[in-house]
PDB file of all heavy atoms in Angstrom:
ATOM      1  N   ILE A   1      -8.796  41.660  40.638  1.00  0.00           N
ATOM      2  CA  ILE A   1      -8.969  41.183  39.263  1.00  0.00           C
ATOM      3  C   ILE A   1     -10.010  40.070  39.265  1.00  0.00           C
ATOM      4  O   ILE A   1      -9.974  39.187  40.113  1.00  0.00           O
ATOM      5  CB  ILE A   1      -7.658  40.650  38.660  1.00  0.00           C
ATOM      6  CG1 ILE A   1      -6.600  41.746  38.584  1.00  0.00           C
ATOM      7  CG2 ILE A   1      -7.888  40.089  37.262  1.00  0.00           C
ATOM      8  CD1 ILE A   1      -5.237  41.261  38.111  1.00  0.00           C
ATOM      9  N   ALA A   2     -10.933  40.130  38.326  1.00  0.00           N
ATOM     10  CA  ALA A   2     -11.903  39.062  38.122  1.00  0.00           C
ATOM     11  C   ALA A   2     -11.814  38.583  36.682  1.00  0.00           C
ATOM     12  O   ALA A   2     -11.121  39.181  35.855  1.00  0.00           O
ATOM     13  CB  ALA A   2     -13.312  39.557  38.434  1.00  0.00           C
ATOM     14  N   PHE A   3     -12.514  37.498  36.391  1.00  0.00           N
ATOM     15  CA  PHE A   3     -12.589  36.965  35.032  1.00  0.00           C
ATOM     16  C   PHE A   3     -14.054  36.963  34.617  1.00  0.00           C
ATOM     17  O   PHE A   3     -14.875  36.258  35.212  1.00  0.00           O
ATOM     18  CB  PHE A   3     -12.021  35.546  34.972  1.00  0.00           C
ATOM     19  CG  PHE A   3     -10.560  35.457  35.322  1.00  0.00           C
ATOM     20  CD1 PHE A   3     -10.141  35.384  36.640  1.00  0.00           C
ATOM     21  CD2 PHE A   3      -9.590  35.451  34.320  1.00  0.00           C
ATOM     22  CE1 PHE A   3      -8.805  35.303  36.967  1.00  0.00           C
ATOM     23  CE2 PHE A   3      -8.243  35.378  34.645  1.00  0.00           C
ATOM     24  CZ  PHE A   3      -7.853  35.301  35.966  1.00  0.00           C
ATOM     25  N   ASP A   4     -14.399  37.776  33.620  1.00  0.00           N
ATOM     26  CA  ASP A   4     -15.767  37.858  33.118  1.00  0.00           C
ATOM     27  C   ASP A   4     -15.905  37.069  31.822  1.00  0.00           C
ATOM     28  O   ASP A   4     -14.990  37.058  30.993  1.00  0.00           O
ATOM     29  CB  ASP A   4     -16.155  39.321  32.858  1.00  0.00           C
ATOM     30  CG  ASP A   4     -16.470  40.070  34.143  1.00  0.00           C
ATOM     31  OD1 ASP A   4     -16.602  39.412  35.195  1.00  0.00           O
ATOM     32  OD2 ASP A   4     -16.578  41.309  34.099  1.00  0.00           O
ATOM     33  N   ARG A   5     -17.069  36.467  31.647  1.00  0.00           N
ATOM     34  CA  ARG A   5     -17.305  35.686  30.439  1.00  0.00           C
ATOM     35  C   ARG A   5     -17.279  36.598  29.209  1.00  0.00           C
ATOM     36  O   ARG A   5     -17.857  37.688  29.204  1.00  0.00           O
ATOM     37  CB  ARG A   5     -18.645  34.952  30.525  1.00  0.00           C
ATOM     38  CG  ARG A   5     -18.809  33.873  29.466  1.00  0.00           C
ATOM     39  CD  ARG A   5     -20.149  33.167  29.614  1.00  0.00           C
ATOM     40  NE  ARG A   5     -20.198  32.281  30.758  1.00  0.00           N
ATOM     41  CZ  ARG A   5     -19.809  31.010  30.737  1.00  0.00           C
ATOM     42  NH1 ARG A   5     -19.310  30.492  29.619  1.00  0.00           N
ATOM     43  NH2 ARG A   5     -19.915  30.265  31.817  1.00  0.00           N
ATOM     44  N   VAL A   6     -16.613  36.143  28.172  1.00  0.00           N
ATOM     45  CA  VAL A   6     -16.478  36.914  26.935  1.00  0.00           C
ATOM     46  C   VAL A   6     -17.700  36.663  26.055  1.00  0.00           C
ATOM     47  O   VAL A   6     -18.123  35.509  25.898  1.00  0.00           O
ATOM     48  CB  VAL A   6     -15.197  36.504  26.177  1.00  0.00           C
ATOM     49  CG1 VAL A   6     -15.065  37.257  24.865  1.00  0.00           C
ATOM     50  CG2 VAL A   6     -13.972  36.742  27.045  1.00  0.00           C
ATOM     51  N   PRO A   7     -18.287  37.705  25.460  1.00  0.00           N
ATOM     52  CA  PRO A   7     -19.383  37.456  24.519  1.00  0.00           C
ATOM     53  C   PRO A   7     -18.891  36.633  23.332  1.00  0.00           C
ATOM     54  O   PRO A   7     -17.728  36.745  22.923  1.00  0.00           O
ATOM     55  CB  PRO A   7     -19.810  38.870  24.092  1.00  0.00           C
ATOM     56  CG  PRO A   7     -18.659  39.760  24.419  1.00  0.00           C
ATOM     57  CD  PRO A   7     -17.981  39.147  25.598  1.00  0.00           C
ATOM     58  N   TRP A   8     -19.772  35.834  22.774  1.00  0.00           N
ATOM     59  CA  TRP A   8     -19.365  34.876  21.742  1.00  0.00           C
ATOM     60  C   TRP A   8     -18.675  35.552  20.562  1.00  0.00           C
ATOM     61  O   TRP A   8     -17.740  34.994  19.974  1.00  0.00           O
ATOM     62  CB  TRP A   8     -20.586  34.098  21.240  1.00  0.00           C
ATOM     63  CG  TRP A   8     -21.565  34.945  20.463  1.00  0.00           C
ATOM     64  CD1 TRP A   8     -22.642  35.619  20.928  1.00  0.00           C
ATOM     65  CD2 TRP A   8     -21.513  35.209  19.052  1.00  0.00           C
ATOM     66  NE1 TRP A   8     -23.278  36.303  19.930  1.00  0.00           N
ATOM     67  CE2 TRP A   8     -22.606  36.059  18.758  1.00  0.00           C
ATOM     68  CE3 TRP A   8     -20.665  34.818  18.008  1.00  0.00           C
ATOM     69  CZ2 TRP A   8     -22.872  36.521  17.469  1.00  0.00           C
ATOM     70  CZ3 TRP A   8     -20.919  35.285  16.727  1.00  0.00           C
ATOM     71  CH2 TRP A   8     -22.015  36.117  16.464  1.00  0.00           C
ATOM     72  N   TYR A   9     -19.113  36.768  20.248  1.00  0.00           N
ATOM     73  CA  TYR A   9     -18.594  37.412  19.044  1.00  0.00           C
ATOM     74  C   TYR A   9     -17.174  37.960  19.227  1.00  0.00           C
ATOM     75  O   TYR A   9     -16.551  38.409  18.257  1.00  0.00           O
ATOM     76  CB  TYR A   9     -19.536  38.535  18.584  1.00  0.00           C
ATOM     77  CG  TYR A   9     -19.902  39.538  19.656  1.00  0.00           C
ATOM     78  CD1 TYR A   9     -19.098  40.638  19.923  1.00  0.00           C
ATOM     79  CD2 TYR A   9     -21.071  39.389  20.397  1.00  0.00           C
ATOM     80  CE1 TYR A   9     -19.429  41.550  20.887  1.00  0.00           C
ATOM     81  CE2 TYR A   9     -21.417  40.302  21.380  1.00  0.00           C
ATOM     82  CZ  TYR A   9     -20.604  41.382  21.622  1.00  0.00           C
ATOM     83  OH  TYR A   9     -20.943  42.287  22.602  1.00  0.00           O
ATOM     84  N   LEU A  10     -16.661  37.940  20.467  1.00  0.00           N
ATOM     85  CA  LEU A  10     -15.279  38.362  20.706  1.00  0.00           C
ATOM     86  C   LEU A  10     -14.448  37.250  21.340  1.00  0.00           C
ATOM     87  O   LEU A  10     -13.360  37.504  21.865  1.00  0.00           O
ATOM     88  CB  LEU A  10     -15.248  39.602  21.614  1.00  0.00           C
ATOM     89  CG  LEU A  10     -15.798  40.901  21.022  1.00  0.00           C
ATOM     90  CD1 LEU A  10     -15.756  42.019  22.054  1.00  0.00           C
ATOM     91  CD2 LEU A  10     -15.023  41.300  19.769  1.00  0.00           C
ATOM     92  N   SER A  11     -14.936  36.036  21.287  1.00  0.00           N
ATOM     93  CA  SER A  11     -14.247  34.927  21.933  1.00  0.00           C
ATOM     94  C   SER A  11     -13.068  34.455  21.093  1.00  0.00           C
ATOM     95  O   SER A  11     -13.218  34.092  19.921  1.00  0.00           O
ATOM     96  CB  SER A  11     -15.210  33.767  22.175  1.00  0.00           C
ATOM     97  OG  SER A  11     -14.518  32.639  22.657  1.00  0.00           O
ATOM     98  N   ALA A  12     -11.902  34.416  21.734  1.00  0.00           N
ATOM     99  CA  ALA A  12     -10.708  33.914  21.056  1.00  0.00           C
ATOM    100  C   ALA A  12     -10.797  32.425  20.778  1.00  0.00           C
ATOM    101  O   ALA A  12     -10.027  31.908  19.958  1.00  0.00           O
ATOM    102  CB  ALA A  12      -9.470  34.213  21.894  1.00  0.00           C
ATOM    103  N   ALA A  13     -11.723  31.735  21.434  1.00  0.00           N
ATOM    104  CA  ALA A  13     -11.858  30.292  21.222  1.00  0.00           C
ATOM    105  C   ALA A  13     -12.114  29.968  19.757  1.00  0.00           C
ATOM    106  O   ALA A  13     -11.644  28.946  19.249  1.00  0.00           O
ATOM    107  CB  ALA A  13     -12.983  29.737  22.099  1.00  0.00           C
ATOM    108  N   TRP A  14     -12.861  30.836  19.069  1.00  0.00           N
ATOM    109  CA  TRP A  14     -13.086  30.600  17.637  1.00  0.00           C
ATOM    110  C   TRP A  14     -12.412  31.659  16.767  1.00  0.00           C
ATOM    111  O   TRP A  14     -12.025  31.368  15.631  1.00  0.00           O
ATOM    112  CB  TRP A  14     -14.583  30.525  17.324  1.00  0.00           C
ATOM    113  CG  TRP A  14     -15.332  31.831  17.393  1.00  0.00           C
ATOM    114  CD1 TRP A  14     -15.912  32.387  18.481  1.00  0.00           C
ATOM    115  CD2 TRP A  14     -15.573  32.746  16.304  1.00  0.00           C
ATOM    116  NE1 TRP A  14     -16.500  33.590  18.167  1.00  0.00           N
ATOM    117  CE2 TRP A  14     -16.317  33.826  16.834  1.00  0.00           C
ATOM    118  CE3 TRP A  14     -15.238  32.748  14.954  1.00  0.00           C
ATOM    119  CZ2 TRP A  14     -16.731  34.899  16.047  1.00  0.00           C
ATOM    120  CZ3 TRP A  14     -15.656  33.823  14.161  1.00  0.00           C
ATOM    121  CH2 TRP A  14     -16.389  34.883  14.711  1.00  0.00           C
ATOM    122  N   LEU A  15     -12.242  32.862  17.311  1.00  0.00           N
ATOM    123  CA  LEU A  15     -11.672  33.919  16.482  1.00  0.00           C
ATOM    124  C   LEU A  15     -10.188  33.707  16.198  1.00  0.00           C
ATOM    125  O   LEU A  15      -9.712  33.990  15.091  1.00  0.00           O
ATOM    126  CB  LEU A  15     -11.872  35.279  17.154  1.00  0.00           C
ATOM    127  CG  LEU A  15     -13.223  35.953  16.905  1.00  0.00           C
ATOM    128  CD1 LEU A  15     -13.351  37.215  17.741  1.00  0.00           C
ATOM    129  CD2 LEU A  15     -13.402  36.269  15.422  1.00  0.00           C
ATOM    130  N   THR A  16      -9.435  33.208  17.181  1.00  0.00           N
ATOM    131  CA  THR A  16      -8.006  32.996  16.948  1.00  0.00           C
ATOM    132  C   THR A  16      -7.756  31.938  15.876  1.00  0.00           C
ATOM    133  O   THR A  16      -6.997  32.184  14.926  1.00  0.00           O
ATOM    134  CB  THR A  16      -7.287  32.642  18.253  1.00  0.00           C
ATOM    135  OG1 THR A  16      -7.410  33.746  19.166  1.00  0.00           O
ATOM    136  CG2 THR A  16      -5.813  32.358  18.009  1.00  0.00           C
ATOM    137  N   PRO A  17      -8.363  30.739  15.968  1.00  0.00           N
ATOM    138  CA  PRO A  17      -8.157  29.792  14.856  1.00  0.00           C
ATOM    139  C   PRO A  17      -8.727  30.304  13.546  1.00  0.00           C
ATOM    140  O   PRO A  17      -8.167  30.028  12.475  1.00  0.00           O
ATOM    141  CB  PRO A  17      -8.870  28.524  15.326  1.00  0.00           C
ATOM    142  CG  PRO A  17      -9.743  28.931  16.453  1.00  0.00           C
ATOM    143  CD  PRO A  17      -9.117  30.117  17.076  1.00  0.00           C
ATOM    144  N   ALA A  18      -9.842  31.054  13.602  1.00  0.00           N
ATOM    145  CA  ALA A  18     -10.402  31.614  12.369  1.00  0.00           C
ATOM    146  C   ALA A  18      -9.440  32.618  11.745  1.00  0.00           C
ATOM    147  O   ALA A  18      -9.256  32.651  10.518  1.00  0.00           O
ATOM    148  CB  ALA A  18     -11.749  32.276  12.656  1.00  0.00           C
ATOM    149  N   MET A  19      -8.806  33.444  12.591  1.00  0.00           N
ATOM    150  CA  MET A  19      -7.839  34.418  12.082  1.00  0.00           C
ATOM    151  C   MET A  19      -6.633  33.716  11.466  1.00  0.00           C
ATOM    152  O   MET A  19      -6.188  34.077  10.362  1.00  0.00           O
ATOM    153  CB  MET A  19      -7.381  35.339  13.205  1.00  0.00           C
ATOM    154  CG  MET A  19      -6.345  36.368  12.760  1.00  0.00           C
ATOM    155  SD  MET A  19      -5.600  37.277  14.130  1.00  0.00           S
ATOM    156  CE  MET A  19      -4.619  35.985  14.898  1.00  0.00           C
ATOM    157  N   LEU A  20      -6.102  32.724  12.183  1.00  0.00           N
ATOM    158  CA  LEU A  20      -4.937  32.009  11.663  1.00  0.00           C
ATOM    159  C   LEU A  20      -5.268  31.285  10.366  1.00  0.00           C
ATOM    160  O   LEU A  20      -4.478  31.293   9.411  1.00  0.00           O
ATOM    161  CB  LEU A  20      -4.418  31.026  12.713  1.00  0.00           C
ATOM    162  CG  LEU A  20      -3.863  31.656  13.993  1.00  0.00           C
ATOM    163  CD1 LEU A  20      -3.508  30.580  15.005  1.00  0.00           C
ATOM    164  CD2 LEU A  20      -2.653  32.534  13.694  1.00  0.00           C
ATOM    165  N   GLY A  21      -6.441  30.664  10.326  1.00  0.00           N
ATOM    166  CA  GLY A  21      -6.859  30.000   9.092  1.00  0.00           C
ATOM    167  C   GLY A  21      -7.022  30.977   7.946  1.00  0.00           C
ATOM    168  O   GLY A  21      -6.626  30.696   6.800  1.00  0.00           O
ATOM    169  N   SER A  22      -7.588  32.149   8.264  1.00  0.00           N
ATOM    170  CA  SER A  22      -7.776  33.167   7.222  1.00  0.00           C
ATOM    171  C   SER A  22      -6.448  33.666   6.687  1.00  0.00           C
ATOM    172  O   SER A  22      -6.284  33.866   5.470  1.00  0.00           O
ATOM    173  CB  SER A  22      -8.589  34.341   7.789  1.00  0.00           C
ATOM    174  OG  SER A  22      -9.873  33.921   8.179  1.00  0.00           O
ATOM    175  N   LEU A  23      -5.497  33.869   7.576  1.00  0.00           N
ATOM    176  CA  LEU A  23      -4.184  34.334   7.126  1.00  0.00           C
ATOM    177  C   LEU A  23      -3.492  33.290   6.259  1.00  0.00           C
ATOM    178  O   LEU A  23      -2.800  33.639   5.290  1.00  0.00           O
ATOM    179  CB  LEU A  23      -3.319  34.688   8.338  1.00  0.00           C
ATOM    180  CG  LEU A  23      -3.743  35.937   9.117  1.00  0.00           C
ATOM    181  CD1 LEU A  23      -2.868  36.117  10.349  1.00  0.00           C
ATOM    182  CD2 LEU A  23      -3.681  37.184   8.238  1.00  0.00           C
ATOM    183  N   VAL A  24      -3.677  32.007   6.599  1.00  0.00           N
ATOM    184  CA  VAL A  24      -3.103  30.950   5.761  1.00  0.00           C
ATOM    185  C   VAL A  24      -3.735  30.968   4.376  1.00  0.00           C
ATOM    186  O   VAL A  24      -3.044  30.882   3.343  1.00  0.00           O
ATOM    187  CB  VAL A  24      -3.299  29.567   6.429  1.00  0.00           C
ATOM    188  CG1 VAL A  24      -2.951  28.450   5.442  1.00  0.00           C
ATOM    189  CG2 VAL A  24      -2.433  29.455   7.676  1.00  0.00           C
ATOM    190  N   VAL A  25      -5.055  31.095   4.314  1.00  0.00           N
ATOM    191  CA  VAL A  25      -5.756  31.148   3.025  1.00  0.00           C
ATOM    192  C   VAL A  25      -5.265  32.335   2.205  1.00  0.00           C
ATOM    193  O   VAL A  25      -4.971  32.209   1.001  1.00  0.00           O
ATOM    194  CB  VAL A  25      -7.275  31.226   3.247  1.00  0.00           C
ATOM    195  CG1 VAL A  25      -7.996  31.585   1.942  1.00  0.00           C
ATOM    196  CG2 VAL A  25      -7.801  29.903   3.785  1.00  0.00           C
ATOM    197  N   LEU A  26      -5.178  33.498   2.859  1.00  0.00           N
ATOM    198  CA  LEU A  26      -4.761  34.699   2.135  1.00  0.00           C
ATOM    199  C   LEU A  26      -3.302  34.610   1.698  1.00  0.00           C
ATOM    200  O   LEU A  26      -2.946  35.054   0.595  1.00  0.00           O
ATOM    201  CB  LEU A  26      -4.982  35.929   3.009  1.00  0.00           C
ATOM    202  CG  LEU A  26      -6.452  36.243   3.340  1.00  0.00           C
ATOM    203  CD1 LEU A  26      -6.542  37.357   4.370  1.00  0.00           C
ATOM    204  CD2 LEU A  26      -7.221  36.621   2.078  1.00  0.00           C
ATOM    205  N   LEU A  27      -2.465  34.028   2.546  1.00  0.00           N
ATOM    206  CA  LEU A  27      -1.052  33.889   2.183  1.00  0.00           C
ATOM    207  C   LEU A  27      -0.890  32.946   0.992  1.00  0.00           C
ATOM    208  O   LEU A  27      -0.136  33.247   0.044  1.00  0.00           O
ATOM    209  CB  LEU A  27      -0.260  33.374   3.382  1.00  0.00           C
ATOM    210  CG  LEU A  27       1.246  33.183   3.171  1.00  0.00           C
ATOM    211  CD1 LEU A  27       1.914  34.505   2.809  1.00  0.00           C
ATOM    212  CD2 LEU A  27       1.889  32.575   4.405  1.00  0.00           C
ATOM    213  N   LEU A  28      -1.591  31.810   1.022  1.00  0.00           N
ATOM    214  CA  LEU A  28      -1.515  30.875  -0.108  1.00  0.00           C
ATOM    215  C   LEU A  28      -2.062  31.510  -1.379  1.00  0.00           C
ATOM    216  O   LEU A  28      -1.526  31.299  -2.480  1.00  0.00           O
ATOM    217  CB  LEU A  28      -2.295  29.598   0.223  1.00  0.00           C
ATOM    218  CG  LEU A  28      -1.696  28.714   1.325  1.00  0.00           C
ATOM    219  CD1 LEU A  28      -2.634  27.554   1.627  1.00  0.00           C
ATOM    220  CD2 LEU A  28      -0.318  28.199   0.911  1.00  0.00           C
ATOM    221  N   THR A  29      -3.118  32.301  -1.216  1.00  0.00           N
ATOM    222  CA  THR A  29      -3.691  32.992  -2.386  1.00  0.00           C
ATOM    223  C   THR A  29      -2.686  33.968  -2.976  1.00  0.00           C
ATOM    224  O   THR A  29      -2.505  34.047  -4.203  1.00  0.00           O
ATOM    225  CB  THR A  29      -4.969  33.738  -1.973  1.00  0.00           C
ATOM    226  OG1 THR A  29      -5.921  32.800  -1.466  1.00  0.00           O
ATOM    227  CG2 THR A  29      -5.576  34.476  -3.157  1.00  0.00           C
ATOM    228  N   ALA A  30      -2.026  34.723  -2.097  1.00  0.00           N
ATOM    229  CA  ALA A  30      -1.050  35.702  -2.573  1.00  0.00           C
ATOM    230  C   ALA A  30       0.139  35.021  -3.234  1.00  0.00           C
ATOM    231  O   ALA A  30       0.642  35.487  -4.269  1.00  0.00           O
ATOM    232  CB  ALA A  30      -0.594  36.569  -1.399  1.00  0.00           C
ATOM    233  N   ILE A  31       0.599  33.909  -2.641  1.00  0.00           N
ATOM    234  CA  ILE A  31       1.748  33.194  -3.209  1.00  0.00           C
ATOM    235  C   ILE A  31       1.384  32.531  -4.532  1.00  0.00           C
ATOM    236  O   ILE A  31       2.181  32.503  -5.487  1.00  0.00           O
ATOM    237  CB  ILE A  31       2.265  32.146  -2.202  1.00  0.00           C
ATOM    238  CG1 ILE A  31       2.872  32.846  -0.982  1.00  0.00           C
ATOM    239  CG2 ILE A  31       3.293  31.225  -2.855  1.00  0.00           C
ATOM    240  CD1 ILE A  31       3.262  31.900   0.129  1.00  0.00           C
ATOM    241  N   ALA A  32       0.169  31.990  -4.601  1.00  0.00           N
ATOM    242  CA  ALA A  32      -0.244  31.275  -5.815  1.00  0.00           C
ATOM    243  C   ALA A  32      -0.330  32.186  -7.030  1.00  0.00           C
ATOM    244  O   ALA A  32      -0.163  31.727  -8.175  1.00  0.00           O
ATOM    245  CB  ALA A  32      -1.590  30.590  -5.577  1.00  0.00           C
ATOM    246  N   TRP A  33      -0.588  33.453  -6.817  1.00  0.00           N
ATOM    247  CA  TRP A  33      -0.736  34.380  -7.940  1.00  0.00           C
ATOM    248  C   TRP A  33       0.558  34.470  -8.758  1.00  0.00           C
ATOM    249  O   TRP A  33       0.556  34.166  -9.964  1.00  0.00           O
ATOM    250  CB  TRP A  33      -1.164  35.739  -7.395  1.00  0.00           C
ATOM    251  CG  TRP A  33      -1.416  36.794  -8.445  1.00  0.00           C
ATOM    252  CD1 TRP A  33      -1.686  36.597  -9.766  1.00  0.00           C
ATOM    253  CD2 TRP A  33      -1.409  38.205  -8.240  1.00  0.00           C
ATOM    254  NE1 TRP A  33      -1.850  37.796 -10.408  1.00  0.00           N
ATOM    255  CE2 TRP A  33      -1.688  38.813  -9.489  1.00  0.00           C
ATOM    256  CE3 TRP A  33      -1.211  39.026  -7.146  1.00  0.00           C
ATOM    257  CZ2 TRP A  33      -1.758  40.186  -9.650  1.00  0.00           C
ATOM    258  CZ3 TRP A  33      -1.292  40.409  -7.297  1.00  0.00           C
ATOM    259  CH2 TRP A  33      -1.558  40.972  -8.543  1.00  0.00           C
ATOM    260  N   PRO A  34       1.705  34.845  -8.178  1.00  0.00           N
ATOM    261  CA  PRO A  34       2.921  34.906  -9.005  1.00  0.00           C
ATOM    262  C   PRO A  34       3.393  33.520  -9.449  1.00  0.00           C
ATOM    263  O   PRO A  34       3.974  33.376 -10.540  1.00  0.00           O
ATOM    264  CB  PRO A  34       3.947  35.571  -8.083  1.00  0.00           C
ATOM    265  CG  PRO A  34       3.445  35.333  -6.708  1.00  0.00           C
ATOM    266  CD  PRO A  34       1.959  35.344  -6.804  1.00  0.00           C
ATOM    267  N   VAL A  35       3.159  32.491  -8.609  1.00  0.00           N
ATOM    268  CA  VAL A  35       3.588  31.143  -8.994  1.00  0.00           C
ATOM    269  C   VAL A  35       2.841  30.679 -10.244  1.00  0.00           C
ATOM    270  O   VAL A  35       3.439  30.138 -11.193  1.00  0.00           O
ATOM    271  CB  VAL A  35       3.370  30.149  -7.834  1.00  0.00           C
ATOM    272  CG1 VAL A  35       3.567  28.715  -8.317  1.00  0.00           C
ATOM    273  CG2 VAL A  35       4.320  30.460  -6.683  1.00  0.00           C
ATOM    274  N   SER A  36       1.514  30.871 -10.272  1.00  0.00           N
ATOM    275  CA  SER A  36       0.726  30.459 -11.444  1.00  0.00           C
ATOM    276  C   SER A  36       1.084  31.287 -12.669  1.00  0.00           C
ATOM    277  O   SER A  36       1.109  30.783 -13.800  1.00  0.00           O
ATOM    278  CB  SER A  36      -0.767  30.571 -11.142  1.00  0.00           C
ATOM    279  OG  SER A  36      -1.123  31.913 -10.832  1.00  0.00           O
ATOM    280  N   ALA A  37       1.394  32.575 -12.461  1.00  0.00           N
ATOM    281  CA  ALA A  37       1.793  33.431 -13.582  1.00  0.00           C
ATOM    282  C   ALA A  37       3.106  32.945 -14.193  1.00  0.00           C
ATOM    283  O   ALA A  37       3.257  32.888 -15.431  1.00  0.00           O
ATOM    284  CB  ALA A  37       1.916  34.877 -13.112  1.00  0.00           C
TER     285      ALA A  37
END
């Protein structure tokens, strides 16, 4: 087993926090819709 450098566009270093942040934004957006209604 070796460890190869990940290309920037598939790096979890930024994609994982970006994904989690995106899910938070989308979740708040979804919740805000019925709450505001």
